[in-house]
Protein backbone atom coordinates (compact mmCIF):
# COMPACT_ATOMS: atom_id res chain seq x y z
CA MET A 1 -5.39 -7.20 -7.12
CA MET A 2 -3.42 -9.28 -9.55
CA ASN A 3 0.03 -8.64 -10.70
CA MET A 4 0.01 -6.86 -14.16
CA ASP A 5 2.56 -7.05 -16.75
CA MET A 6 4.76 -3.65 -16.37
CA ARG A 7 4.39 -2.10 -19.58
CA LEU A 8 -0.04 -2.90 -19.61
CA MET A 9 0.51 -1.07 -16.58
CA GLN A 10 2.15 2.12 -17.88
CA GLU A 11 -0.87 1.43 -20.83
CA ARG A 12 -3.55 1.95 -18.33
CA LEU A 13 -1.66 4.59 -16.46
CA LYS A 14 -1.53 6.61 -20.19
CA GLN A 15 -5.13 6.72 -20.87
CA ASP A 16 -6.26 7.00 -17.58
CA PRO A 17 -4.53 8.53 -14.50
CA VAL A 18 -7.38 7.23 -12.20
CA TYR A 19 -5.16 3.97 -12.20
CA VAL A 20 -2.67 5.17 -10.16
CA GLU A 21 -4.55 4.35 -7.32
CA MET A 22 -4.86 1.30 -8.50
CA PHE A 23 -0.83 0.50 -8.72
CA ALA A 24 -0.31 2.93 -5.66
CA ALA A 25 -2.24 1.02 -3.10
CA ALA A 26 -0.65 -1.25 -0.34
CA GLY A 27 -1.83 -3.78 1.26
CA TYR A 28 -3.22 -3.02 5.22
CA GLY A 29 -1.94 -6.80 6.69
CA GLU A 30 0.68 -4.70 8.10
CA LEU A 31 -0.35 -1.60 8.82
CA LYS A 32 1.07 -1.21 11.71
CA GLN A 33 4.82 -1.88 10.54
CA THR A 34 5.21 0.04 7.62
CA ALA A 35 5.43 3.52 9.64
CA PRO A 36 5.25 6.47 8.30
CA TYR A 37 2.63 6.49 6.09
CA MET A 38 1.88 8.29 2.43
CA HIS A 39 4.17 8.37 -0.60
CA ASN A 40 6.65 10.02 1.32
CA GLY A 41 7.27 9.21 4.62
CA THR A 42 5.40 12.67 5.50
CA VAL A 43 3.44 11.18 8.40
CA ALA A 44 4.20 9.15 11.82
CA THR A 45 0.96 7.33 12.88
CA LEU A 46 -2.30 5.63 11.81
CA GLU A 47 -4.08 8.45 13.43
CA GLU A 48 -2.14 11.22 11.58
CA VAL A 49 -3.22 9.34 8.15
CA VAL A 50 -6.96 9.29 9.46
CA ALA A 51 -6.99 12.92 10.37
CA PHE A 52 -5.40 13.94 6.52
CA TYR A 53 -8.94 12.26 5.26
CA ASN A 54 -10.50 13.49 7.72
CA ARG A 55 -9.77 16.52 6.60
CA GLY A 56 -10.01 15.53 2.80
CA GLY A 57 -6.42 15.15 2.07
CA GLY A 58 -3.78 17.71 1.16
CA ASP A 59 -3.43 21.04 -1.05
CA ASP A 60 -1.76 19.27 -4.24
CA ALA A 61 -2.71 20.49 -7.15
CA ASN A 62 -2.42 16.84 -8.10
CA LYS A 63 -5.53 15.53 -6.20
CA VAL A 64 -8.29 13.74 -7.43
CA PRO A 65 -11.03 15.77 -7.18
CA ARG A 66 -13.53 12.55 -5.91
CA LEU A 67 -11.36 13.14 -2.32
CA LYS A 68 -13.02 14.84 0.13
CA PRO A 69 -13.48 15.23 4.17
CA LEU A 70 -15.17 12.02 5.40
CA ALA A 71 -16.67 14.44 9.05
CA LEU A 72 -15.74 12.05 11.11
CA SER A 73 -15.91 12.33 15.07
CA ARG A 74 -13.27 12.02 16.50
CA GLU A 75 -14.96 8.66 18.20
CA GLU A 76 -15.29 7.55 14.34
CA GLN A 77 -11.62 7.73 14.15
CA ALA A 78 -10.14 6.35 16.64
CA ASP A 79 -12.75 3.44 16.07
CA LEU A 80 -11.47 3.48 11.57
CA VAL A 81 -8.22 4.10 14.05
CA ALA A 82 -8.73 1.27 15.98
CA PHE A 83 -10.45 -1.27 13.14
CA LEU A 84 -7.32 -1.02 10.64
CA GLU A 85 -4.17 -1.48 13.78
CA ALA A 86 -7.05 -5.10 14.11
CA LEU A 87 -6.29 -6.03 10.70
CA CYS A 88 -2.41 -6.78 11.43
CA GLY A 89 -0.86 -9.39 13.10
CA ASP A 90 2.40 -9.62 15.12
CA PRO A 91 5.22 -8.09 13.20
CA LEU A 92 7.10 -11.89 11.88
CA THR A 93 10.36 -10.81 12.98
CA GLY A 94 11.17 -14.13 14.82
CA PRO A 95 13.74 -16.43 14.29
CA GLU A 96 11.39 -18.58 12.31
CA HIS A 97 10.78 -15.79 9.78
CA VAL A 98 14.04 -15.08 9.06
CA TRP A 99 15.82 -16.62 6.05
CA THR A 100 18.82 -17.85 7.40
CA GLU A 101 20.42 -20.15 4.43
CA LYS A 102 22.58 -18.75 1.84
CA ILE A 103 21.08 -16.97 -0.76
CA PRO A 104 21.34 -19.44 -4.03
CA ALA A 105 22.91 -16.48 -6.59
CA HIS A 106 22.13 -18.38 -10.17
CA TYR A 107 18.79 -19.91 -10.83
CA GLN A 108 18.28 -22.34 -14.43
CA ALA A 109 16.98 -20.28 -17.24
CA ILE A 110 12.90 -20.51 -17.49
CA GLU A 111 12.29 -21.49 -21.25
CA ASN A 112 9.54 -19.20 -22.95
CA TRP A 113 9.12 -18.15 -19.38
CA ARG A 114 6.67 -15.10 -21.34
CA ASP A 115 4.61 -18.50 -22.07
CA VAL A 116 4.67 -20.24 -18.45
CA ARG A 117 1.85 -19.82 -15.98
CA ASN A 118 3.44 -18.77 -11.97
């Protein structure tokens, strides 16, 4: 999803709470390395995440009504977990991925920064 101005996002959320899902979704690229899962870290494994959604999610009063049980077999659940894991590469923790230089503390101000494209 493209970056949006925070005020625009807040206005969208006020108009239609369904947009909350758009902003709360994380990417899948490093899924294996980001456990625990869910917004509050209560689910330890991808298998548990898939099982949770296969049951139709939790019993939260704020659950989106269109979230229904998936009715996946055990084999289909295992296939889904394998697919999600296949989207992930190796963790980027080797020395070639670690910043070792001093982090600059001062940045040059960008004149008219609201009008400058990234």
